[in-house]
Amino acid sequence: WCTATNCKNYGTIEATATNYAGNVAGMFGLVGDKASINISGGGNYGTVKVSPSSTNKRYGLIGGYLNVFESISNVVVSGKLYVNGTQESINASNYMNYIGEVNASHASKITGLTYVAPTN
């Protein structure tokens, strides 16, 4: 069991075409393979820049690949996401599409996320 409480990112995470190996995110690259992790509080306020291959979409503002976990709750989703140099248009109605790749069988364990528009 592992708990990450009130962790925050304000920096820039960048994975270019030459070094991108997947699972890139503002907070957690990979939460998977029977990880017993509870993520609560905190959030991403930083910038994520990725240049993925067309087949690898494991990136996001919170997790690169959110596969197996106990819970993710009360986390702020903010910051900016650039994919292949283009800033994604993230807003309060679509931000869940940009938190990262989520295993569908665990999506119900994600609760209480809050979108905050990034400043500047």
PDB file of N, CA and C in Angstrom:
ATOM      1  N   TRP A   1       0.844  -1.180   0.000  1.00  0.00           N
ATOM      2  CA  TRP A   1       0.000   0.000   0.000  1.00  0.00           C
ATOM      3  C   TRP A   1       0.878   1.228   0.000  1.00  0.00           C
ATOM      4  N   CYS A   2       0.521   2.171  -0.791  1.00  0.00           N
ATOM      5  CA  CYS A   2       1.253   3.430  -0.868  1.00  0.00           C
ATOM      6  C   CYS A   2       0.240   4.555  -0.972  1.00  0.00           C
ATOM      7  N   THR A   3       0.521   5.650  -0.323  1.00  0.00           N
ATOM      8  CA  THR A   3      -0.362   6.809  -0.391  1.00  0.00           C
ATOM      9  C   THR A   3       0.440   8.026  -0.816  1.00  0.00           C
ATOM     10  N   ALA A   4      -0.066   8.748  -1.790  1.00  0.00           N
ATOM     11  CA  ALA A   4       0.521  10.024  -2.211  1.00  0.00           C
ATOM     12  C   ALA A   4      -0.502  11.092  -1.865  1.00  0.00           C
ATOM     13  N   THR A   5      -0.182  11.921  -0.888  1.00  0.00           N
ATOM     14  CA  THR A   5      -1.128  12.920  -0.398  1.00  0.00           C
ATOM     15  C   THR A   5      -0.573  14.318  -0.618  1.00  0.00           C
ATOM     16  N   ASN A   6      -1.381  15.165  -1.217  1.00  0.00           N
ATOM     17  CA  ASN A   6      -1.055  16.577  -1.438  1.00  0.00           C
ATOM     18  C   ASN A   6       0.226  16.794  -2.238  1.00  0.00           C
ATOM     19  N   CYS A   7       0.529  15.891  -3.149  1.00  0.00           N
ATOM     20  CA  CYS A   7       1.673  16.068  -4.042  1.00  0.00           C
ATOM     21  C   CYS A   7       1.289  17.065  -5.137  1.00  0.00           C
ATOM     22  N   LYS A   8       2.205  17.984  -5.452  1.00  0.00           N
ATOM     23  CA  LYS A   8       1.919  19.011  -6.459  1.00  0.00           C
ATOM     24  C   LYS A   8       3.095  19.149  -7.411  1.00  0.00           C
ATOM     25  N   ASN A   9       2.760  19.390  -8.678  1.00  0.00           N
ATOM     26  CA  ASN A   9       3.777  19.676  -9.679  1.00  0.00           C
ATOM     27  C   ASN A   9       3.528  21.069 -10.238  1.00  0.00           C
ATOM     28  N   TYR A  10       4.567  21.891 -10.229  1.00  0.00           N
ATOM     29  CA  TYR A  10       4.506  23.222 -10.835  1.00  0.00           C
ATOM     30  C   TYR A  10       5.507  23.346 -11.976  1.00  0.00           C
ATOM     31  N   GLY A  11       6.267  22.324 -12.224  1.00  0.00           N
ATOM     32  CA  GLY A  11       7.328  22.372 -13.222  1.00  0.00           C
ATOM     33  C   GLY A  11       6.881  21.936 -14.598  1.00  0.00           C
ATOM     34  N   THR A  12       7.861  21.770 -15.480  1.00  0.00           N
ATOM     35  CA  THR A  12       7.618  21.319 -16.846  1.00  0.00           C
ATOM     36  C   THR A  12       8.210  19.930 -17.021  1.00  0.00           C
ATOM     37  N   ILE A  13       7.387  19.029 -17.533  1.00  0.00           N
ATOM     38  CA  ILE A  13       7.812  17.672 -17.857  1.00  0.00           C
ATOM     39  C   ILE A  13       7.846  17.604 -19.381  1.00  0.00           C
ATOM     40  N   GLU A  14       8.986  17.223 -19.941  1.00  0.00           N
ATOM     41  CA  GLU A  14       9.084  17.196 -21.395  1.00  0.00           C
ATOM     42  C   GLU A  14       9.699  15.894 -21.869  1.00  0.00           C
ATOM     43  N   ALA A  15       9.034  15.271 -22.825  1.00  0.00           N
ATOM     44  CA  ALA A  15       9.549  14.062 -23.458  1.00  0.00           C
ATOM     45  C   ALA A  15       9.501  14.288 -24.961  1.00  0.00           C
ATOM     46  N   THR A  16      10.651  14.402 -25.566  1.00  0.00           N
ATOM     47  CA  THR A  16      10.723  14.696 -26.993  1.00  0.00           C
ATOM     48  C   THR A  16      10.648  13.418 -27.816  1.00  0.00           C
ATOM     49  N   ALA A  17      10.554  13.576 -29.094  1.00  0.00           N
ATOM     50  CA  ALA A  17      10.442  12.422 -30.006  1.00  0.00           C
ATOM     51  C   ALA A  17      11.620  11.467 -29.852  1.00  0.00           C
ATOM     52  N   THR A  18      12.781  11.989 -29.515  1.00  0.00           N
ATOM     53  CA  THR A  18      13.953  11.119 -29.416  1.00  0.00           C
ATOM     54  C   THR A  18      14.032  10.375 -28.089  1.00  0.00           C
ATOM     55  N   ASN A  19      13.367  10.878 -27.042  1.00  0.00           N
ATOM     56  CA  ASN A  19      13.471  10.189 -25.756  1.00  0.00           C
ATOM     57  C   ASN A  19      12.121   9.749 -25.201  1.00  0.00           C
ATOM     58  N   TYR A  20      11.049   9.900 -25.947  1.00  0.00           N
ATOM     59  CA  TYR A  20       9.728   9.553 -25.453  1.00  0.00           C
ATOM     60  C   TYR A  20       9.552   8.042 -25.405  1.00  0.00           C
ATOM     61  N   ALA A  21       9.284   7.534 -24.212  1.00  0.00           N
ATOM     62  CA  ALA A  21       9.077   6.099 -24.048  1.00  0.00           C
ATOM     63  C   ALA A  21       7.701   5.791 -23.473  1.00  0.00           C
ATOM     64  N   GLY A  22       6.842   6.774 -23.371  1.00  0.00           N
ATOM     65  CA  GLY A  22       5.486   6.578 -22.848  1.00  0.00           C
ATOM     66  C   GLY A  22       5.390   6.861 -21.367  1.00  0.00           C
ATOM     67  N   ASN A  23       4.154   6.851 -20.875  1.00  0.00           N
ATOM     68  CA  ASN A  23       3.885   7.045 -19.465  1.00  0.00           C
ATOM     69  C   ASN A  23       4.467   8.356 -18.928  1.00  0.00           C
ATOM     70  N   VAL A  24       4.109   9.451 -19.563  1.00  0.00           N
ATOM     71  CA  VAL A  24       4.599  10.777 -19.193  1.00  0.00           C
ATOM     72  C   VAL A  24       3.432  11.603 -18.675  1.00  0.00           C
ATOM     73  N   ALA A  25       3.621  12.248 -17.518  1.00  0.00           N
ATOM     74  CA  ALA A  25       2.524  13.017 -16.941  1.00  0.00           C
ATOM     75  C   ALA A  25       3.016  14.037 -15.932  1.00  0.00           C
ATOM     76  N   GLY A  26       2.100  14.913 -15.559  1.00  0.00           N
ATOM     77  CA  GLY A  26       2.415  15.945 -14.588  1.00  0.00           C
ATOM     78  C   GLY A  26       2.651  15.421 -13.184  1.00  0.00           C
ATOM     79  N   MET A  27       2.011  14.305 -12.831  1.00  0.00           N
ATOM     80  CA  MET A  27       2.171  13.775 -11.478  1.00  0.00           C
ATOM     81  C   MET A  27       2.780  12.374 -11.437  1.00  0.00           C
ATOM     82  N   PHE A  28       2.176  11.400 -12.130  1.00  0.00           N
ATOM     83  CA  PHE A  28       2.598  10.007 -12.052  1.00  0.00           C
ATOM     84  C   PHE A  28       2.663   9.415 -13.448  1.00  0.00           C
ATOM     85  N   GLY A  29       3.812   8.939 -13.847  1.00  0.00           N
ATOM     86  CA  GLY A  29       3.950   8.368 -15.178  1.00  0.00           C
ATOM     87  C   GLY A  29       3.164   7.080 -15.344  1.00  0.00           C
ATOM     88  N   LEU A  30       3.313   6.171 -14.390  1.00  0.00           N
ATOM     89  CA  LEU A  30       2.648   4.872 -14.486  1.00  0.00           C
ATOM     90  C   LEU A  30       2.133   4.478 -13.117  1.00  0.00           C
ATOM     91  N   VAL A  31       0.839   4.236 -13.042  1.00  0.00           N
ATOM     92  CA  VAL A  31       0.224   3.674 -11.843  1.00  0.00           C
ATOM     93  C   VAL A  31      -0.403   2.374 -12.312  1.00  0.00           C
ATOM     94  N   GLY A  32       0.316   1.293 -12.123  1.00  0.00           N
ATOM     95  CA  GLY A  32      -0.195   0.068 -12.711  1.00  0.00           C
ATOM     96  C   GLY A  32       0.391  -1.198 -12.145  1.00  0.00           C
ATOM     97  N   ASP A  33      -0.018  -2.279 -12.772  1.00  0.00           N
ATOM     98  CA  ASP A  33       0.447  -3.608 -12.415  1.00  0.00           C
ATOM     99  C   ASP A  33       0.288  -3.902 -10.930  1.00  0.00           C
ATOM    100  N   LYS A  34      -0.965  -3.829 -10.494  1.00  0.00           N
ATOM    101  CA  LYS A  34      -1.353  -4.162  -9.127  1.00  0.00           C
ATOM    102  C   LYS A  34      -0.785  -3.202  -8.097  1.00  0.00           C
ATOM    103  N   ALA A  35      -0.568  -1.965  -8.476  1.00  0.00           N
ATOM    104  CA  ALA A  35      -0.122  -0.968  -7.511  1.00  0.00           C
ATOM    105  C   ALA A  35      -1.255  -0.684  -6.536  1.00  0.00           C
ATOM    106  N   SER A  36      -0.965  -0.741  -5.272  1.00  0.00           N
ATOM    107  CA  SER A  36      -1.953  -0.380  -4.270  1.00  0.00           C
ATOM    108  C   SER A  36      -1.651   1.049  -3.850  1.00  0.00           C
ATOM    109  N   ILE A  37      -2.138   1.981  -4.628  1.00  0.00           N
ATOM    110  CA  ILE A  37      -1.835   3.381  -4.362  1.00  0.00           C
ATOM    111  C   ILE A  37      -3.119   4.176  -4.218  1.00  0.00           C
ATOM    112  N   ASN A  38      -3.095   5.067  -3.270  1.00  0.00           N
ATOM    113  CA  ASN A  38      -4.189   5.990  -3.037  1.00  0.00           C
ATOM    114  C   ASN A  38      -3.620   7.386  -3.255  1.00  0.00           C
ATOM    115  N   ILE A  39      -4.105   8.087  -4.251  1.00  0.00           N
ATOM    116  CA  ILE A  39      -3.633   9.432  -4.566  1.00  0.00           C
ATOM    117  C   ILE A  39      -4.717  10.403  -4.126  1.00  0.00           C
ATOM    118  N   SER A  40      -4.388  11.307  -3.214  1.00  0.00           N
ATOM    119  CA  SER A  40      -5.402  12.257  -2.761  1.00  0.00           C
ATOM    120  C   SER A  40      -4.794  13.631  -2.537  1.00  0.00           C
ATOM    121  N   GLY A  41      -5.582  14.640  -2.865  1.00  0.00           N
ATOM    122  CA  GLY A  41      -5.126  16.015  -2.708  1.00  0.00           C
ATOM    123  C   GLY A  41      -4.064  16.371  -3.729  1.00  0.00           C
ATOM    124  N   GLY A  42      -3.583  17.579  -3.645  1.00  0.00           N
ATOM    125  CA  GLY A  42      -2.542  18.042  -4.545  1.00  0.00           C
ATOM    126  C   GLY A  42      -3.045  18.224  -5.963  1.00  0.00           C
ATOM    127  N   GLY A  43      -2.129  18.137  -6.916  1.00  0.00           N
ATOM    128  CA  GLY A  43      -2.523  18.273  -8.305  1.00  0.00           C
ATOM    129  C   GLY A  43      -1.389  18.708  -9.190  1.00  0.00           C
ATOM    130  N   ASN A  44      -1.698  18.800 -10.478  1.00  0.00           N
ATOM    131  CA  ASN A  44      -0.721  19.258 -11.453  1.00  0.00           C
ATOM    132  C   ASN A  44      -1.055  20.687 -11.858  1.00  0.00           C
ATOM    133  N   TYR A  45      -0.091  21.574 -11.724  1.00  0.00           N
ATOM    134  CA  TYR A  45      -0.217  22.961 -12.147  1.00  0.00           C
ATOM    135  C   TYR A  45       0.826  23.272 -13.218  1.00  0.00           C
ATOM    136  N   GLY A  46       1.642  22.296 -13.543  1.00  0.00           N
ATOM    137  CA  GLY A  46       2.748  22.485 -14.474  1.00  0.00           C
ATOM    138  C   GLY A  46       2.383  22.167 -15.904  1.00  0.00           C
ATOM    139  N   THR A  47       3.402  22.118 -16.733  1.00  0.00           N
ATOM    140  CA  THR A  47       3.242  21.895 -18.159  1.00  0.00           C
ATOM    141  C   THR A  47       3.795  20.526 -18.538  1.00  0.00           C
ATOM    142  N   VAL A  48       3.047  19.823 -19.381  1.00  0.00           N
ATOM    143  CA  VAL A  48       3.490  18.529 -19.900  1.00  0.00           C
ATOM    144  C   VAL A  48       3.644  18.675 -21.404  1.00  0.00           C
ATOM    145  N   LYS A  49       4.837  18.345 -21.912  1.00  0.00           N
ATOM    146  CA  LYS A  49       5.112  18.421 -23.346  1.00  0.00           C
ATOM    147  C   LYS A  49       5.545  17.044 -23.823  1.00  0.00           C
ATOM    148  N   VAL A  50       4.801  16.485 -24.778  1.00  0.00           N
ATOM    149  CA  VAL A  50       5.130  15.160 -25.294  1.00  0.00           C
ATOM    150  C   VAL A  50       5.126  15.152 -26.809  1.00  0.00           C
ATOM    151  N   SER A  51       5.921  14.271 -27.361  1.00  0.00           N
ATOM    152  CA  SER A  51       5.932  14.008 -28.793  1.00  0.00           C
ATOM    153  C   SER A  51       5.818  12.497 -28.966  1.00  0.00           C
ATOM    154  N   PRO A  52       4.621  11.966 -28.764  1.00  0.00           N
ATOM    155  CA  PRO A  52       4.459  10.509 -28.808  1.00  0.00           C
ATOM    156  C   PRO A  52       4.398   9.963 -30.223  1.00  0.00           C
ATOM    157  N   SER A  53       4.611   8.667 -30.312  1.00  0.00           N
ATOM    158  CA  SER A  53       4.341   8.005 -31.572  1.00  0.00           C
ATOM    159  C   SER A  53       2.827   7.938 -31.726  1.00  0.00           C
ATOM    160  N   SER A  54       2.349   7.663 -32.898  1.00  0.00           N
ATOM    161  CA  SER A  54       0.905   7.643 -33.130  1.00  0.00           C
ATOM    162  C   SER A  54       0.211   6.532 -32.354  1.00  0.00           C
ATOM    163  N   THR A  55       0.936   5.512 -31.942  1.00  0.00           N
ATOM    164  CA  THR A  55       0.307   4.402 -31.234  1.00  0.00           C
ATOM    165  C   THR A  55       0.356   4.549 -29.719  1.00  0.00           C
ATOM    166  N   ASN A  56       1.206   5.399 -29.187  1.00  0.00           N
ATOM    167  CA  ASN A  56       1.335   5.525 -27.744  1.00  0.00           C
ATOM    168  C   ASN A  56       0.691   6.815 -27.272  1.00  0.00           C
ATOM    169  N   LYS A  57      -0.413   6.695 -26.555  1.00  0.00           N
ATOM    170  CA  LYS A  57      -1.108   7.874 -26.054  1.00  0.00           C
ATOM    171  C   LYS A  57      -1.097   7.905 -24.531  1.00  0.00           C
ATOM    172  N   ARG A  58      -0.086   7.321 -23.929  1.00  0.00           N
ATOM    173  CA  ARG A  58      -0.005   7.259 -22.472  1.00  0.00           C
ATOM    174  C   ARG A  58       0.666   8.506 -21.919  1.00  0.00           C
ATOM    175  N   TYR A  59      -0.094   9.589 -21.883  1.00  0.00           N
ATOM    176  CA  TYR A  59       0.379  10.856 -21.333  1.00  0.00           C
ATOM    177  C   TYR A  59      -0.824  11.622 -20.815  1.00  0.00           C
ATOM    178  N   GLY A  60      -0.574  12.554 -19.918  1.00  0.00           N
ATOM    179  CA  GLY A  60      -1.678  13.349 -19.405  1.00  0.00           C
ATOM    180  C   GLY A  60      -1.238  14.299 -18.310  1.00  0.00           C
ATOM    181  N   LEU A  61      -2.187  15.084 -17.833  1.00  0.00           N
ATOM    182  CA  LEU A  61      -1.892  16.061 -16.797  1.00  0.00           C
ATOM    183  C   LEU A  61      -1.717  15.421 -15.422  1.00  0.00           C
ATOM    184  N   ILE A  62      -2.354  14.274 -15.178  1.00  0.00           N
ATOM    185  CA  ILE A  62      -2.219  13.593 -13.886  1.00  0.00           C
ATOM    186  C   ILE A  62      -1.364  12.336 -14.019  1.00  0.00           C
ATOM    187  N   GLY A  63      -1.763  11.404 -14.874  1.00  0.00           N
ATOM    188  CA  GLY A  63      -1.027  10.158 -15.029  1.00  0.00           C
ATOM    189  C   GLY A  63      -0.806   9.827 -16.480  1.00  0.00           C
ATOM    190  N   GLY A  64       0.301   9.168 -16.760  1.00  0.00           N
ATOM    191  CA  GLY A  64       0.516   8.694 -18.120  1.00  0.00           C
ATOM    192  C   GLY A  64      -0.393   7.510 -18.403  1.00  0.00           C
ATOM    193  N   TYR A  65      -0.305   6.499 -17.543  1.00  0.00           N
ATOM    194  CA  TYR A  65      -1.166   5.328 -17.660  1.00  0.00           C
ATOM    195  C   TYR A  65      -1.683   5.004 -16.266  1.00  0.00           C
ATOM    196  N   LEU A  66      -2.960   5.232 -16.061  1.00  0.00           N
ATOM    197  CA  LEU A  66      -3.620   4.943 -14.788  1.00  0.00           C
ATOM    198  C   LEU A  66      -4.299   3.595 -14.947  1.00  0.00           C
ATOM    199  N   ASN A  67      -3.580   2.538 -14.609  1.00  0.00           N
ATOM    200  CA  ASN A  67      -4.026   1.184 -14.905  1.00  0.00           C
ATOM    201  C   ASN A  67      -4.699   0.527 -13.706  1.00  0.00           C
ATOM    202  N   VAL A  68      -3.978   0.267 -12.651  1.00  0.00           N
ATOM    203  CA  VAL A  68      -4.510  -0.427 -11.482  1.00  0.00           C
ATOM    204  C   VAL A  68      -4.166   0.400 -10.244  1.00  0.00           C
ATOM    205  N   PHE A  69      -5.187   0.816  -9.489  1.00  0.00           N
ATOM    206  CA  PHE A  69      -4.959   1.636  -8.304  1.00  0.00           C
ATOM    207  C   PHE A  69      -6.157   1.525  -7.378  1.00  0.00           C
ATOM    208  N   GLU A  70      -5.971   1.923  -6.136  1.00  0.00           N
ATOM    209  CA  GLU A  70      -7.059   1.883  -5.162  1.00  0.00           C
ATOM    210  C   GLU A  70      -8.002   3.070  -5.354  1.00  0.00           C
ATOM    211  N   SER A  71      -7.443   4.280  -5.409  1.00  0.00           N
ATOM    212  CA  SER A  71      -8.294   5.457  -5.599  1.00  0.00           C
ATOM    213  C   SER A  71      -7.465   6.672  -5.985  1.00  0.00           C
ATOM    214  N   ILE A  72      -8.131   7.563  -6.684  1.00  0.00           N
ATOM    215  CA  ILE A  72      -7.592   8.893  -6.977  1.00  0.00           C
ATOM    216  C   ILE A  72      -8.716   9.856  -6.628  1.00  0.00           C
ATOM    217  N   SER A  73      -8.468  10.764  -5.686  1.00  0.00           N
ATOM    218  CA  SER A  73      -9.548  11.639  -5.245  1.00  0.00           C
ATOM    219  C   SER A  73      -9.045  13.036  -4.888  1.00  0.00           C
ATOM    220  N   ASN A  74      -9.917  14.011  -5.116  1.00  0.00           N
ATOM    221  CA  ASN A  74      -9.691  15.401  -4.706  1.00  0.00           C
ATOM    222  C   ASN A  74      -8.382  15.979  -5.229  1.00  0.00           C
ATOM    223  N   VAL A  75      -8.102  15.709  -6.494  1.00  0.00           N
ATOM    224  CA  VAL A  75      -6.882  16.183  -7.138  1.00  0.00           C
ATOM    225  C   VAL A  75      -7.244  17.312  -8.101  1.00  0.00           C
ATOM    226  N   VAL A  76      -6.421  18.350  -8.126  1.00  0.00           N
ATOM    227  CA  VAL A  76      -6.621  19.476  -9.044  1.00  0.00           C
ATOM    228  C   VAL A  76      -5.983  19.147 -10.389  1.00  0.00           C
ATOM    229  N   VAL A  77      -6.744  19.341 -11.442  1.00  0.00           N
ATOM    230  CA  VAL A  77      -6.260  19.167 -12.809  1.00  0.00           C
ATOM    231  C   VAL A  77      -6.095  20.560 -13.400  1.00  0.00           C
ATOM    232  N   SER A  78      -4.874  20.951 -13.643  1.00  0.00           N
ATOM    233  CA  SER A  78      -4.589  22.265 -14.204  1.00  0.00           C
ATOM    234  C   SER A  78      -3.360  22.106 -15.083  1.00  0.00           C
ATOM    235  N   GLY A  79      -2.730  23.187 -15.397  1.00  0.00           N
ATOM    236  CA  GLY A  79      -1.524  23.126 -16.212  1.00  0.00           C
ATOM    237  C   GLY A  79      -1.844  23.090 -17.695  1.00  0.00           C
ATOM    238  N   LYS A  80      -0.786  22.941 -18.469  1.00  0.00           N
ATOM    239  CA  LYS A  80      -0.911  22.941 -19.930  1.00  0.00           C
ATOM    240  C   LYS A  80      -0.347  21.641 -20.480  1.00  0.00           C
ATOM    241  N   LEU A  81      -0.941  21.206 -21.586  1.00  0.00           N
ATOM    242  CA  LEU A  81      -0.493  19.989 -22.253  1.00  0.00           C
ATOM    243  C   LEU A  81      -0.216  20.311 -23.715  1.00  0.00           C
ATOM    244  N   TYR A  82       1.021  20.028 -24.148  1.00  0.00           N
ATOM    245  CA  TYR A  82       1.421  20.205 -25.534  1.00  0.00           C
ATOM    246  C   TYR A  82       1.712  18.832 -26.125  1.00  0.00           C
ATOM    247  N   VAL A  83       1.071  18.528 -27.245  1.00  0.00           N
ATOM    248  CA  VAL A  83       1.308  17.272 -27.940  1.00  0.00           C
ATOM    249  C   VAL A  83       1.867  17.603 -29.316  1.00  0.00           C
ATOM    250  N   ASN A  84       3.077  17.129 -29.567  1.00  0.00           N
ATOM    251  CA  ASN A  84       3.780  17.431 -30.827  1.00  0.00           C
ATOM    252  C   ASN A  84       3.820  18.932 -31.114  1.00  0.00           C
ATOM    253  N   GLY A  85       4.055  19.718 -30.059  1.00  0.00           N
ATOM    254  CA  GLY A  85       4.209  21.158 -30.191  1.00  0.00           C
ATOM    255  C   GLY A  85       2.931  21.968 -30.199  1.00  0.00           C
ATOM    256  N   THR A  86       1.777  21.330 -30.185  1.00  0.00           N
ATOM    257  CA  THR A  86       0.499  22.040 -30.215  1.00  0.00           C
ATOM    258  C   THR A  86      -0.172  21.968 -28.851  1.00  0.00           C
ATOM    259  N   GLN A  87      -0.567  23.128 -28.325  1.00  0.00           N
ATOM    260  CA  GLN A  87      -1.237  23.147 -27.026  1.00  0.00           C
ATOM    261  C   GLN A  87      -2.662  22.613 -27.164  1.00  0.00           C
ATOM    262  N   GLU A  88      -3.011  21.667 -26.301  1.00  0.00           N
ATOM    263  CA  GLU A  88      -4.362  21.116 -26.286  1.00  0.00           C
ATOM    264  C   GLU A  88      -5.319  22.147 -25.686  1.00  0.00           C
ATOM    265  N   SER A  89      -6.543  22.178 -26.204  1.00  0.00           N
ATOM    266  CA  SER A  89      -7.571  23.106 -25.709  1.00  0.00           C
ATOM    267  C   SER A  89      -8.339  22.425 -24.584  1.00  0.00           C
ATOM    268  N   ILE A  90      -7.842  22.597 -23.377  1.00  0.00           N
ATOM    269  CA  ILE A  90      -8.436  21.945 -22.209  1.00  0.00           C
ATOM    270  C   ILE A  90      -9.293  22.957 -21.466  1.00  0.00           C
ATOM    271  N   ASN A  91     -10.488  22.514 -21.060  1.00  0.00           N
ATOM    272  CA  ASN A  91     -11.380  23.392 -20.315  1.00  0.00           C
ATOM    273  C   ASN A  91     -12.193  22.570 -19.314  1.00  0.00           C
ATOM    274  N   ALA A  92     -13.094  23.241 -18.604  1.00  0.00           N
ATOM    275  CA  ALA A  92     -13.865  22.594 -17.542  1.00  0.00           C
ATOM    276  C   ALA A  92     -14.778  21.487 -18.046  1.00  0.00           C
ATOM    277  N   SER A  93     -15.136  21.495 -19.315  1.00  0.00           N
ATOM    278  CA  SER A  93     -16.047  20.465 -19.813  1.00  0.00           C
ATOM    279  C   SER A  93     -15.324  19.249 -20.416  1.00  0.00           C
ATOM    280  N   ASN A  94     -14.030  19.358 -20.704  1.00  0.00           N
ATOM    281  CA  ASN A  94     -13.338  18.223 -21.338  1.00  0.00           C
ATOM    282  C   ASN A  94     -12.070  17.765 -20.617  1.00  0.00           C
ATOM    283  N   TYR A  95     -11.753  18.333 -19.478  1.00  0.00           N
ATOM    284  CA  TYR A  95     -10.470  18.040 -18.831  1.00  0.00           C
ATOM    285  C   TYR A  95     -10.264  16.570 -18.488  1.00  0.00           C
ATOM    286  N   MET A  96     -11.336  15.823 -18.275  1.00  0.00           N
ATOM    287  CA  MET A  96     -11.178  14.401 -17.943  1.00  0.00           C
ATOM    288  C   MET A  96     -10.540  13.625 -19.106  1.00  0.00           C
ATOM    289  N   ASN A  97     -10.669  14.144 -20.320  1.00  0.00           N
ATOM    290  CA  ASN A  97     -10.043  13.514 -21.479  1.00  0.00           C
ATOM    291  C   ASN A  97      -8.525  13.682 -21.479  1.00  0.00           C
ATOM    292  N   TYR A  98      -8.013  14.534 -20.610  1.00  0.00           N
ATOM    293  CA  TYR A  98      -6.593  14.865 -20.617  1.00  0.00           C
ATOM    294  C   TYR A  98      -5.881  14.489 -19.316  1.00  0.00           C
ATOM    295  N   ILE A  99      -6.518  13.733 -18.436  1.00  0.00           N
ATOM    296  CA  ILE A  99      -5.842  13.358 -17.196  1.00  0.00           C
ATOM    297  C   ILE A  99      -4.834  12.245 -17.432  1.00  0.00           C
ATOM    298  N   GLY A 100      -4.987  11.480 -18.506  1.00  0.00           N
ATOM    299  CA  GLY A 100      -4.105  10.373 -18.838  1.00  0.00           C
ATOM    300  C   GLY A 100      -4.932   9.209 -19.329  1.00  0.00           C
ATOM    301  N   GLU A 101      -4.257   8.157 -19.776  1.00  0.00           N
ATOM    302  CA  GLU A 101      -4.978   6.964 -20.217  1.00  0.00           C
ATOM    303  C   GLU A 101      -5.438   6.202 -18.980  1.00  0.00           C
ATOM    304  N   VAL A 102      -6.745   5.947 -18.897  1.00  0.00           N
ATOM    305  CA  VAL A 102      -7.327   5.304 -17.723  1.00  0.00           C
ATOM    306  C   VAL A 102      -7.875   3.934 -18.112  1.00  0.00           C
ATOM    307  N   ASN A 103      -7.499   2.916 -17.349  1.00  0.00           N
ATOM    308  CA  ASN A 103      -8.065   1.596 -17.522  1.00  0.00           C
ATOM    309  C   ASN A 103      -9.555   1.698 -17.202  1.00  0.00           C
ATOM    310  N   ALA A 104     -10.408   1.360 -18.147  1.00  0.00           N
ATOM    311  CA  ALA A 104     -11.856   1.534 -17.999  1.00  0.00           C
ATOM    312  C   ALA A 104     -12.416   0.840 -16.764  1.00  0.00           C
ATOM    313  N   SER A 105     -11.849  -0.277 -16.374  1.00  0.00           N
ATOM    314  CA  SER A 105     -12.385  -0.992 -15.213  1.00  0.00           C
ATOM    315  C   SER A 105     -12.067  -0.300 -13.891  1.00  0.00           C
ATOM    316  N   HIS A 106     -11.209   0.717 -13.914  1.00  0.00           N
ATOM    317  CA  HIS A 106     -10.864   1.448 -12.696  1.00  0.00           C
ATOM    318  C   HIS A 106     -11.318   2.913 -12.731  1.00  0.00           C
ATOM    319  N   ALA A 107     -11.968   3.312 -13.786  1.00  0.00           N
ATOM    320  CA  ALA A 107     -12.384   4.713 -13.928  1.00  0.00           C
ATOM    321  C   ALA A 107     -13.287   5.169 -12.794  1.00  0.00           C
ATOM    322  N   SER A 108     -14.124   4.291 -12.256  1.00  0.00           N
ATOM    323  CA  SER A 108     -15.041   4.672 -11.179  1.00  0.00           C
ATOM    324  C   SER A 108     -14.308   4.984  -9.873  1.00  0.00           C
ATOM    325  N   LYS A 109     -13.035   4.643  -9.776  1.00  0.00           N
ATOM    326  CA  LYS A 109     -12.250   4.927  -8.574  1.00  0.00           C
ATOM    327  C   LYS A 109     -11.650   6.332  -8.591  1.00  0.00           C
ATOM    328  N   ILE A 110     -11.922   7.090  -9.646  1.00  0.00           N
ATOM    329  CA  ILE A 110     -11.441   8.467  -9.750  1.00  0.00           C
ATOM    330  C   ILE A 110     -12.592   9.389  -9.384  1.00  0.00           C
ATOM    331  N   THR A 111     -12.455  10.113  -8.278  1.00  0.00           N
ATOM    332  CA  THR A 111     -13.549  10.967  -7.803  1.00  0.00           C
ATOM    333  C   THR A 111     -13.021  12.333  -7.347  1.00  0.00           C
ATOM    334  N   GLY A 112     -13.900  13.302  -7.408  1.00  0.00           N
ATOM    335  CA  GLY A 112     -13.612  14.614  -6.844  1.00  0.00           C
ATOM    336  C   GLY A 112     -12.522  15.407  -7.520  1.00  0.00           C
ATOM    337  N   LEU A 113     -12.239  15.153  -8.794  1.00  0.00           N
ATOM    338  CA  LEU A 113     -11.241  15.966  -9.492  1.00  0.00           C
ATOM    339  C   LEU A 113     -11.816  17.348  -9.768  1.00  0.00           C
ATOM    340  N   THR A 114     -10.964  18.351  -9.714  1.00  0.00           N
ATOM    341  CA  THR A 114     -11.382  19.739  -9.937  1.00  0.00           C
ATOM    342  C   THR A 114     -10.517  20.346 -11.011  1.00  0.00           C
ATOM    343  N   TYR A 115     -11.146  20.952 -12.000  1.00  0.00           N
ATOM    344  CA  TYR A 115     -10.382  21.644 -13.043  1.00  0.00           C
ATOM    345  C   TYR A 115     -10.175  23.090 -12.626  1.00  0.00           C
ATOM    346  N   VAL A 116      -8.940  23.552 -12.771  1.00  0.00           N
ATOM    347  CA  VAL A 116      -8.588  24.953 -12.536  1.00  0.00           C
ATOM    348  C   VAL A 116      -7.829  25.431 -13.769  1.00  0.00           C
ATOM    349  N   ALA A 117      -8.364  26.444 -14.440  1.00  0.00           N
ATOM    350  CA  ALA A 117      -7.704  26.965 -15.635  1.00  0.00           C
ATOM    351  C   ALA A 117      -6.310  27.467 -15.261  1.00  0.00           C
ATOM    352  N   PRO A 118      -5.299  27.132 -16.061  1.00  0.00           N
ATOM    353  CA  PRO A 118      -3.952  27.581 -15.757  1.00  0.00           C
ATOM    354  C   PRO A 118      -3.831  29.092 -15.933  1.00  0.00           C
ATOM    355  N   THR A 119      -2.963  29.673 -15.134  1.00  0.00           N
ATOM    356  CA  THR A 119      -2.710  31.103 -15.250  1.00  0.00           C
ATOM    357  C   THR A 119      -1.632  31.331 -16.300  1.00  0.00           C
ATOM    358  N   ASN A 120      -1.649  32.496 -16.915  1.00  0.00           N
ATOM    359  CA  ASN A 120      -0.739  32.966 -17.980  1.00  0.00           C
ATOM    360  C   ASN A 120      -0.605  32.051 -19.099  1.00  0.00           C
TER     361      ASN A 120
END
